[in-house]
Amino acid sequence: QFKFVESGGGLVQPGGSLRLACSASGFTLDNLAIGWFRQAPGKEREGVSCSSSDGSTYYLDSVKGRFTISRDNAKNTAYLQMSNVKPDDTAVYYCSAHPVLSPRNLCVLAISSTWGQGTRVTVSS
């Protein structure tokens, strides 16, 4: 059974930092593109950052220079380092992986065979 478990969210002040983690089970992330997505209240889910197994990356314009995607294959875990966060970053964050799609297409399409419960990030003073 494929499963993602996201963690690391919380309440953070504008300008602060958070590191989100995505633990995968039922499969390995080694050869897959991975991605982080978010859904704010009343909005559609959007791709935030995606990465291929060889390290190529895609970032949503609004997070470029502030967020960094990474993975630890030994732990079968993906990460999203969020820095200089803004109120517009408030959302529930999800992760996904895909065997074929490029990072850009994975983020733009924002698809997954299964979604985890997500982790909520609230940016507020």
Foldseek 3Di string as FASTA:
>chain_A
DWAKDKDWADEAAQQAKTKMKIAIPPDFQQQKKKFKWWDDPPGDIFTAKIAGNVGDIDGDVVQPPFWDWDDDRVRSMIMIIGGSDDQVVWTFMWMAIGNDDHGVVCRHVVDHPDIHPTHTHGYHD
